[in-house]
Amino acid sequence: MQERIVITGMGTVNPLGLNVKESWTNAVAGKSGVAPITLFDSHEAKLQVHIAAEAKGFKPEDFMDAREARRRDRFEQFAIAASKEALADSGLEVTDKNTGRIGVILSSAIGGLHSLQEATLTNYKEGPRKVSPFLIPMLMPNGGAGMAAIEFGIKGPCFSVASACASGADGIGTALMMLRTGMIDAALAGASEATITSTGVAAFDRVGAMSRRNDDYSMTPQPFDKNRDGLVMGEGAAVLVLEREADAKARGAEIFAELAGYGATADAFHVTAPHEHGTGGAAAIRMALDSAGANPDEVGYINAHGTGTPLNDQAETRAVKTAFGDLAYKIPISSTKSMTGHMMGATGALEAIFCVRAIREGVLPPTIHYETPDPECDLDYIPNMAREAKISLAISNAFGFGGHNAVLAIRKYS
């Protein structure tokens, strides 16, 4: 029998808050993190999208030395902030004895887009000698993982998984497998993303993925709603501390939940569009449940990928129906992206935290902005108001460009 892998720490920076408690409180309250873009002048950049879900009030100097912060991209600053909270929450101490047995799997779909864009403009306007000598460590997607290892003195396996918007969930799933095989005893696992730049917004808008409700953004994004018109870009980081159950119990750690299962598949269909029938997503859900040794009727909540794009929400609804059959109509589902926006690779990690809190507190966060039912999306999406419910197993879906599907299964610990 496999040893159980448990969650003993959580940390986050995101559009709903700069820590787990604040973020969860705002998620349950149905608060939107969407507002006009302030990180740059979107009008000067001639964009057609002027809204985003920024990590408001984030000051890197609150989490690291100011000089060091200037040498780190925004996504790396987020990664350190979330990792610090997660480690403090867990009480796990990095020592000479255990440092080589702790892994750092902090993922990113894009990496340092802020730094890359700035350096490109500098090179064009002022020449290569003006490009920062810190550019490479600032833009590389593994920068968050590498800097966290340096920050905390962790010497075990350290890397980043890049699977588009499934990156965070895949990173957590990879850590789960490494723990199960005995390669490591503990892990910092999650993801960080900071793509709210003129290049990032322009690129996602050009593929037709983004909402353009700039003048009245009070009802966007609208996952699963008939009138949904696209995603709203978010940013932030979320990190879990994972341990083998015996080790966590031996040091007297508080165990928040069990990371019970992980599934990952590929659509092998299209580079940006999901398979219309959601077959890859359904297969990943089944795989995660098999990995958890769970039956479909045990699932009490699904945190959906739920981006608010017409194709994604329809395909995900079909995936849930394929995976659960008639049970699909009885399982509450919500898209917390309706509040956080789409934090790209980091969202799956944050949504895993929301699943933990839902299990522990008996409250399911809502899908806000839900107004008009879509005949093609006809499941229970917990519209607009949080719901009390005692659940023992939740799953979190994360689907990404390239046809990546990752699903985590999280179980109540007892």
Protein backbone atom coordinates (compact mmCIF):
# COMPACT_ATOMS: atom_id res chain seq x y z
CA MET A 1 0.00 0.00 0.00
CA GLN A 2 1.32 3.44 -0.96
CA GLU A 3 2.25 5.80 1.84
CA ARG A 4 -0.02 8.79 1.98
CA ILE A 5 1.31 12.16 0.81
CA VAL A 6 -0.01 15.05 2.83
CA ILE A 7 -0.21 18.84 2.59
CA THR A 8 1.30 20.61 5.58
CA GLY A 9 1.79 24.16 4.32
CA MET A 10 0.26 26.60 1.84
CA GLY A 11 1.22 30.03 0.56
CA THR A 12 -0.01 32.39 -2.13
CA VAL A 13 0.07 35.82 -3.71
CA ASN A 14 -2.78 36.46 -6.13
CA PRO A 15 -5.45 38.99 -7.18
CA LEU A 16 -7.65 38.11 -4.18
CA GLY A 17 -4.96 38.51 -1.54
CA LEU A 18 -1.33 38.39 -0.50
CA ASN A 19 -1.76 35.33 1.71
CA VAL A 20 -3.96 32.24 1.97
CA LYS A 21 -6.35 33.56 4.63
CA GLU A 22 -7.14 36.79 2.79
CA SER A 23 -7.47 35.01 -0.55
CA TRP A 24 -9.87 32.39 0.80
CA THR A 25 -12.00 34.96 2.60
CA ASN A 26 -12.41 36.95 -0.60
CA ALA A 27 -13.08 33.82 -2.69
CA VAL A 28 -15.88 32.69 -0.37
CA ALA A 29 -17.29 36.24 -0.42
CA GLY A 30 -17.37 36.16 -4.23
CA LYS A 31 -15.09 39.15 -4.61
CA SER A 32 -13.71 39.93 -8.07
CA GLY A 33 -10.04 40.74 -8.56
CA VAL A 34 -10.62 42.30 -11.99
CA ALA A 35 -9.86 45.99 -12.50
CA PRO A 36 -8.23 48.33 -15.04
CA ILE A 37 -4.59 47.53 -15.78
CA THR A 38 -2.15 49.60 -13.72
CA LEU A 39 1.14 47.78 -14.35
CA PHE A 40 1.55 49.61 -17.66
CA ASP A 41 -0.39 51.98 -19.89
CA SER A 42 -2.57 49.69 -21.98
CA HIS A 43 -3.94 52.61 -23.99
CA GLU A 44 -0.49 53.84 -24.93
CA ALA A 45 0.29 50.25 -25.95
CA LYS A 46 -2.73 50.45 -28.29
CA LEU A 47 -4.27 47.29 -26.86
CA GLN A 48 -7.92 46.35 -27.18
CA VAL A 49 -7.90 44.87 -23.66
CA HIS A 50 -7.54 47.26 -20.71
CA ILE A 51 -8.51 45.04 -17.76
CA ALA A 52 -6.69 42.36 -15.77
CA ALA A 53 -6.58 40.72 -12.35
CA GLU A 54 -3.41 42.10 -10.79
CA ALA A 55 -1.86 41.11 -7.45
CA LYS A 56 -2.82 44.43 -5.92
CA GLY A 57 -0.64 45.91 -3.19
CA PHE A 58 2.22 43.48 -3.72
CA LYS A 59 5.55 44.96 -2.64
CA PRO A 60 8.54 42.67 -3.18
CA GLU A 61 10.47 44.51 -0.47
CA ASP A 62 8.05 43.03 2.06
CA PHE A 63 9.43 39.59 1.23
CA MET A 64 13.07 40.14 0.25
CA ASP A 65 15.91 42.62 0.23
CA ALA A 66 15.19 45.56 -2.09
CA ARG A 67 18.48 45.10 -3.97
CA GLU A 68 17.74 41.43 -4.53
CA ALA A 69 14.20 42.24 -5.66
CA ARG A 70 15.56 44.41 -8.49
CA ARG A 71 17.44 41.36 -9.79
CA ARG A 72 14.35 39.17 -9.90
CA ASP A 73 11.48 39.16 -12.34
CA ARG A 74 8.01 39.73 -10.94
CA PHE A 75 7.13 36.03 -11.26
CA GLU A 76 10.21 35.14 -9.19
CA GLN A 77 9.25 37.68 -6.53
CA PHE A 78 5.82 36.05 -6.33
CA ALA A 79 7.40 32.60 -6.04
CA ILE A 80 9.55 33.61 -3.08
CA ALA A 81 6.66 35.34 -1.29
CA ALA A 82 4.35 32.33 -1.64
CA SER A 83 7.12 29.89 -0.70
CA LYS A 84 7.93 31.84 2.47
CA GLU A 85 4.33 31.67 3.61
CA ALA A 86 4.06 27.97 2.77
CA LEU A 87 7.22 27.05 4.67
CA ALA A 88 6.25 29.14 7.69
CA ASP A 89 2.78 27.61 7.60
CA SER A 90 4.23 24.09 7.61
CA GLY A 91 6.87 24.64 10.28
CA LEU A 92 9.26 22.58 8.16
CA GLU A 93 12.86 23.51 8.92
CA VAL A 94 15.56 23.02 6.34
CA THR A 95 18.62 21.53 8.06
CA ASP A 96 21.94 20.01 7.05
CA LYS A 97 20.36 16.63 7.67
CA ASN A 98 17.28 16.98 5.44
CA THR A 99 18.31 19.55 2.83
CA GLY A 100 19.12 16.95 0.19
CA ARG A 101 15.82 15.18 0.76
CA ILE A 102 13.61 18.18 -0.02
CA GLY A 103 12.58 19.00 -3.58
CA VAL A 104 11.61 22.30 -5.16
CA ILE A 105 9.22 21.98 -8.09
CA LEU A 106 8.03 25.52 -8.76
CA SER A 107 6.65 25.75 -12.27
CA SER A 108 5.92 28.52 -14.74
CA ALA A 109 4.33 28.40 -18.16
CA ILE A 110 6.04 31.54 -19.43
CA GLY A 111 8.79 32.67 -17.07
CA GLY A 112 10.08 36.23 -16.86
CA LEU A 113 7.99 37.96 -19.50
CA HIS A 114 8.36 41.37 -17.81
CA SER A 115 12.14 41.15 -17.99
CA LEU A 116 12.20 39.75 -21.51
CA GLN A 117 9.95 42.49 -22.87
CA GLU A 118 11.92 45.23 -21.13
CA ALA A 119 15.26 43.86 -22.37
CA THR A 120 14.00 43.54 -25.92
CA LEU A 121 12.98 47.20 -25.96
CA THR A 122 16.27 48.26 -24.32
CA ASN A 123 18.30 46.31 -26.85
CA TYR A 124 16.35 47.86 -29.72
CA LYS A 125 16.55 51.43 -28.42
CA GLU A 126 19.91 51.58 -26.64
CA GLY A 127 21.92 48.60 -27.82
CA PRO A 128 23.05 45.30 -26.27
CA ARG A 129 25.44 46.86 -23.74
CA LYS A 130 22.44 48.28 -21.91
CA VAL A 131 20.77 44.90 -21.45
CA SER A 132 20.85 43.75 -17.83
CA PRO A 133 23.51 41.13 -16.98
CA PHE A 134 20.82 39.53 -14.80
CA LEU A 135 18.46 38.99 -17.74
CA ILE A 136 18.98 35.23 -18.15
CA PRO A 137 18.19 34.30 -14.52
CA MET A 138 15.30 36.77 -14.62
CA LEU A 139 13.60 35.33 -17.69
CA MET A 140 14.23 31.58 -17.38
CA PRO A 141 11.07 29.66 -16.35
CA ASN A 142 13.02 27.70 -13.73
CA GLY A 143 14.13 30.96 -12.09
CA GLY A 144 11.50 30.76 -9.36
CA ALA A 145 12.51 27.22 -8.43
CA GLY A 146 16.24 27.96 -8.50
CA MET A 147 15.93 31.13 -6.45
CA ALA A 148 13.68 29.43 -3.89
CA ALA A 149 16.28 26.69 -3.46
CA ILE A 150 18.96 29.33 -2.91
CA GLU A 151 16.74 31.38 -0.60
CA PHE A 152 15.95 28.46 1.70
CA GLY A 153 19.09 26.35 1.27
CA ILE A 154 17.29 23.38 -0.28
CA LYS A 155 19.59 20.97 -2.13
CA GLY A 156 17.27 18.24 -3.39
CA PRO A 157 15.80 17.99 -6.93
CA CYS A 158 14.94 21.45 -8.21
CA PHE A 159 13.21 22.28 -11.48
CA SER A 160 10.19 23.78 -13.21
CA VAL A 161 7.49 22.07 -15.25
CA ALA A 162 6.24 23.95 -18.31
CA SER A 163 2.90 22.67 -19.60
CA ALA A 164 1.08 25.93 -20.29
CA CYS A 165 -1.87 26.48 -17.94
CA ALA A 166 -1.46 22.98 -16.49
CA SER A 167 2.06 23.79 -15.24
CA GLY A 168 1.17 24.31 -11.59
CA ALA A 169 -0.94 21.17 -11.31
CA ASP A 170 1.67 19.15 -13.21
CA GLY A 171 4.39 20.43 -10.88
CA ILE A 172 2.40 19.37 -7.83
CA GLY A 173 1.66 16.01 -9.45
CA THR A 174 5.33 15.50 -10.25
CA ALA A 175 6.20 16.17 -6.61
CA LEU A 176 3.57 13.63 -5.56
CA MET A 177 5.17 10.95 -7.72
CA MET A 178 8.66 11.76 -6.44
CA LEU A 179 7.45 11.48 -2.86
CA ARG A 180 5.69 8.19 -3.56
CA THR A 181 8.84 6.66 -5.03
CA GLY A 182 10.92 7.75 -2.03
CA MET A 183 13.17 10.03 -4.06
CA ILE A 184 12.44 12.89 -1.64
CA ASP A 185 10.81 13.27 1.77
CA ALA A 186 9.27 16.72 1.31
CA ALA A 187 8.68 19.25 -1.44
CA LEU A 188 7.86 22.85 -2.18
CA ALA A 189 5.51 22.49 -5.13
CA GLY A 190 3.42 24.97 -7.06
CA ALA A 191 3.83 27.66 -9.68
CA SER A 192 4.26 31.36 -10.32
CA GLU A 193 3.28 33.57 -13.23
CA ALA A 194 3.44 37.26 -14.16
CA THR A 195 2.29 37.77 -17.74
CA ILE A 196 0.39 41.06 -17.42
CA THR A 197 2.54 42.95 -19.90
CA SER A 198 1.65 44.56 -23.21
CA THR A 199 3.18 41.58 -25.02
CA GLY A 200 1.36 39.00 -22.91
CA VAL A 201 -2.01 40.71 -23.20
CA ALA A 202 -1.61 41.35 -26.93
CA ALA A 203 -0.62 37.74 -27.60
CA PHE A 204 -3.57 36.20 -25.77
CA ASP A 205 -5.96 38.70 -27.30
CA ARG A 206 -4.72 37.86 -30.80
CA VAL A 207 -5.77 34.22 -30.39
CA GLY A 208 -9.26 35.41 -29.46
CA ALA A 209 -9.05 34.25 -25.85
CA MET A 210 -9.64 37.48 -23.90
CA SER A 211 -12.64 39.44 -22.73
CA ARG A 212 -12.76 43.03 -23.99
CA ARG A 213 -15.38 44.38 -21.58
CA ASN A 214 -13.23 47.35 -20.68
CA ASP A 215 -15.94 49.90 -19.95
CA ASP A 216 -18.03 47.60 -17.77
CA TYR A 217 -15.86 44.84 -16.35
CA SER A 218 -18.17 44.15 -13.40
CA MET A 219 -19.48 40.95 -15.04
CA THR A 220 -16.37 39.42 -16.56
CA PRO A 221 -15.03 36.77 -16.83
CA GLN A 222 -18.22 34.68 -16.98
CA PRO A 223 -17.25 31.00 -16.86
CA PHE A 224 -19.99 28.62 -18.08
CA ASP A 225 -22.41 31.51 -18.74
CA LYS A 226 -24.03 31.66 -22.17
CA ASN A 227 -22.66 35.18 -22.68
CA ARG A 228 -19.05 34.44 -21.74
CA ASP A 229 -16.61 36.20 -24.03
CA GLY A 230 -13.16 35.16 -22.87
CA LEU A 231 -10.69 35.06 -20.04
CA VAL A 232 -9.24 37.90 -17.98
CA MET A 233 -5.50 37.63 -17.38
CA GLY A 234 -4.36 37.24 -13.79
CA GLU A 235 -1.02 36.85 -12.02
CA GLY A 236 0.46 35.44 -8.85
CA ALA A 237 1.89 32.33 -7.23
CA ALA A 238 0.73 29.44 -5.08
CA VAL A 239 2.90 26.91 -3.27
CA LEU A 240 2.22 23.77 -1.22
CA VAL A 241 4.50 21.97 1.20
CA LEU A 242 4.09 18.23 0.63
CA GLU A 243 5.43 15.48 2.88
CA ARG A 244 5.11 11.78 3.46
CA GLU A 245 2.55 11.17 6.18
CA ALA A 246 4.96 9.42 8.56
CA ASP A 247 7.47 12.26 8.39
CA ALA A 248 4.81 14.92 8.95
CA LYS A 249 3.40 13.05 11.94
CA ALA A 250 6.85 12.42 13.39
CA ARG A 251 7.59 16.14 13.59
CA GLY A 252 4.11 16.98 14.88
CA ALA A 253 3.03 18.95 11.81
CA GLU A 254 -0.55 19.97 11.25
CA ILE A 255 -1.86 18.05 8.26
CA PHE A 256 -4.35 20.04 6.18
CA ALA A 257 -5.32 17.38 3.62
CA GLU A 258 -4.03 14.42 1.66
CA LEU A 259 -2.80 14.88 -1.90
CA ALA A 260 -4.35 11.63 -2.98
CA GLY A 261 -4.05 11.44 -6.76
CA TYR A 262 -2.82 12.93 -10.02
CA GLY A 263 -3.70 12.37 -13.65
CA ALA A 264 -2.18 13.82 -16.81
CA THR A 265 -3.02 13.33 -20.48
CA ALA A 266 -2.65 15.05 -23.86
CA ASP A 267 -5.44 15.80 -26.31
CA ALA A 268 -3.14 15.37 -29.33
CA PHE A 269 -5.69 17.51 -31.14
CA HIS A 270 -4.87 21.23 -31.48
CA VAL A 271 -2.24 23.61 -30.15
CA THR A 272 -4.73 26.06 -28.59
CA ALA A 273 -8.23 24.56 -28.77
CA PRO A 274 -9.33 21.75 -26.44
CA HIS A 275 -10.76 18.58 -27.92
CA GLU A 276 -14.42 19.41 -28.50
CA HIS A 277 -15.60 16.30 -26.66
CA GLY A 278 -13.22 16.79 -23.72
CA THR A 279 -11.87 13.27 -24.08
CA GLY A 280 -8.39 14.11 -22.80
CA GLY A 281 -9.76 15.94 -19.79
CA ALA A 282 -12.08 13.05 -18.97
CA ALA A 283 -9.18 10.59 -19.17
CA ALA A 284 -7.10 12.75 -16.80
CA ILE A 285 -9.98 12.87 -14.31
CA ARG A 286 -10.29 9.09 -14.36
CA MET A 287 -6.52 8.72 -13.98
CA ALA A 288 -6.48 11.04 -10.96
CA LEU A 289 -9.26 9.06 -9.30
CA ASP A 290 -7.49 5.79 -10.01
CA SER A 291 -4.29 7.26 -8.57
CA ALA A 292 -6.25 8.20 -5.45
CA GLY A 293 -7.93 4.81 -5.20
CA ALA A 294 -11.24 6.67 -5.26
CA ASN A 295 -14.62 6.00 -6.80
CA PRO A 296 -16.39 8.70 -8.82
CA ASP A 297 -19.22 8.89 -6.29
CA GLU A 298 -16.76 10.04 -3.60
CA VAL A 299 -16.12 13.36 -5.35
CA GLY A 300 -17.96 16.16 -3.58
CA TYR A 301 -16.56 19.18 -5.43
CA ILE A 302 -14.77 20.03 -8.66
CA ASN A 303 -12.71 23.18 -9.02
CA ALA A 304 -13.01 23.66 -12.76
CA HIS A 305 -10.45 24.97 -15.19
CA GLY A 306 -13.33 27.26 -16.21
CA THR A 307 -11.54 30.02 -18.11
CA GLY A 308 -14.63 31.72 -19.49
CA THR A 309 -13.79 31.07 -23.14
CA PRO A 310 -16.58 29.58 -25.27
CA LEU A 311 -14.61 26.49 -26.33
CA ASN A 312 -12.97 25.64 -23.00
CA ASP A 313 -16.08 25.71 -20.83
CA GLN A 314 -18.09 23.61 -23.25
CA ALA A 315 -15.31 21.04 -23.63
CA GLU A 316 -14.72 20.86 -19.87
CA THR A 317 -18.43 20.32 -19.24
CA ARG A 318 -18.36 17.42 -21.67
CA ALA A 319 -15.22 16.05 -20.02
CA VAL A 320 -16.93 16.02 -16.61
CA LYS A 321 -19.99 14.30 -18.08
CA THR A 322 -17.83 11.67 -19.78
CA ALA A 323 -15.84 11.00 -16.63
CA PHE A 324 -18.79 10.86 -14.21
CA GLY A 325 -21.81 9.95 -16.31
CA ASP A 326 -25.11 10.79 -14.60
CA LEU A 327 -23.20 11.64 -11.41
CA ALA A 328 -21.92 14.80 -13.16
CA TYR A 329 -25.25 16.52 -12.50
CA LYS A 330 -24.93 15.91 -8.75
CA ILE A 331 -21.38 17.23 -8.22
CA PRO A 332 -20.99 20.95 -7.39
CA ILE A 333 -18.50 22.67 -9.69
CA SER A 334 -17.10 26.18 -9.60
CA SER A 335 -14.61 28.29 -11.47
CA THR A 336 -12.67 30.49 -9.09
CA LYS A 337 -11.10 32.07 -12.18
CA SER A 338 -14.29 34.10 -12.26
CA MET A 339 -12.66 35.95 -9.33
CA THR A 340 -8.88 35.52 -9.72
CA GLY A 341 -8.70 35.77 -13.48
CA HIS A 342 -6.52 33.26 -15.29
CA MET A 343 -3.08 33.16 -13.66
CA MET A 344 -1.83 30.89 -16.45
CA GLY A 345 0.50 28.22 -15.02
CA ALA A 346 -0.04 29.33 -11.43
CA THR A 347 -3.81 29.01 -11.30
CA GLY A 348 -3.89 25.23 -10.92
CA ALA A 349 -1.74 25.50 -7.81
CA LEU A 350 -3.98 28.18 -6.27
CA GLU A 351 -7.05 26.13 -7.06
CA ALA A 352 -5.53 23.18 -5.22
CA ILE A 353 -5.29 25.43 -2.15
CA PHE A 354 -8.93 26.40 -2.59
CA CYS A 355 -9.84 22.69 -2.66
CA VAL A 356 -8.00 22.15 0.63
CA ARG A 357 -9.82 25.04 2.27
CA ALA A 358 -13.18 23.87 0.89
CA ILE A 359 -12.65 20.41 2.40
CA ARG A 360 -11.50 21.74 5.76
CA GLU A 361 -14.13 24.44 6.17
CA GLY A 362 -17.14 22.85 4.51
CA VAL A 363 -17.66 25.78 2.15
CA LEU A 364 -17.54 25.67 -1.65
CA PRO A 365 -16.51 28.91 -3.42
CA PRO A 366 -18.85 30.22 -6.11
CA THR A 367 -18.67 30.92 -9.80
CA ILE A 368 -19.45 34.63 -9.84
CA HIS A 369 -20.88 36.56 -12.79
CA TYR A 370 -23.14 33.61 -13.62
CA GLU A 371 -26.33 35.03 -15.12
CA THR A 372 -27.60 33.22 -18.21
CA PRO A 373 -27.51 29.39 -18.40
CA ASP A 374 -25.96 27.82 -21.48
CA PRO A 375 -27.68 24.66 -22.77
CA GLU A 376 -24.22 23.28 -23.58
CA CYS A 377 -23.02 23.94 -20.02
CA ASP A 378 -25.80 22.52 -17.89
CA LEU A 379 -24.11 21.34 -14.67
CA ASP A 380 -24.21 22.77 -11.14
CA TYR A 381 -21.68 25.63 -11.23
CA ILE A 382 -22.42 27.04 -7.73
CA PRO A 383 -23.66 30.34 -9.18
CA ASN A 384 -22.72 33.58 -7.45
CA MET A 385 -22.95 32.48 -3.81
CA ALA A 386 -20.70 30.17 -1.78
CA ARG A 387 -22.36 26.98 -0.56
CA GLU A 388 -21.97 25.02 2.64
CA ALA A 389 -21.19 21.36 2.00
CA LYS A 390 -19.30 18.66 3.87
CA ILE A 391 -17.04 16.90 1.39
CA SER A 392 -14.27 14.35 1.69
CA LEU A 393 -12.78 14.44 -1.82
CA ALA A 394 -12.29 17.27 -4.32
CA ILE A 395 -10.64 17.37 -7.72
CA SER A 396 -9.02 20.32 -9.45
CA ASN A 397 -8.85 20.50 -13.26
CA ALA A 398 -6.09 22.35 -15.12
CA PHE A 399 -6.07 22.26 -18.92
CA GLY A 400 -3.54 24.11 -21.09
CA PHE A 401 -2.60 25.16 -24.60
CA GLY A 402 -0.86 22.31 -26.37
CA GLY A 403 -3.60 19.94 -25.23
CA HIS A 404 -2.21 19.43 -21.72
CA ASN A 405 -4.63 18.08 -19.11
CA ALA A 406 -3.72 17.76 -15.42
CA VAL A 407 -6.05 16.81 -12.57
CA LEU A 408 -5.32 16.66 -8.84
CA ALA A 409 -7.39 14.70 -6.31
CA ILE A 410 -7.37 16.06 -2.75
CA ARG A 411 -8.85 14.11 0.16
CA LYS A 412 -9.89 15.04 3.66
CA TYR A 413 -7.24 13.86 6.12
CA SER A 414 -8.31 11.68 9.01
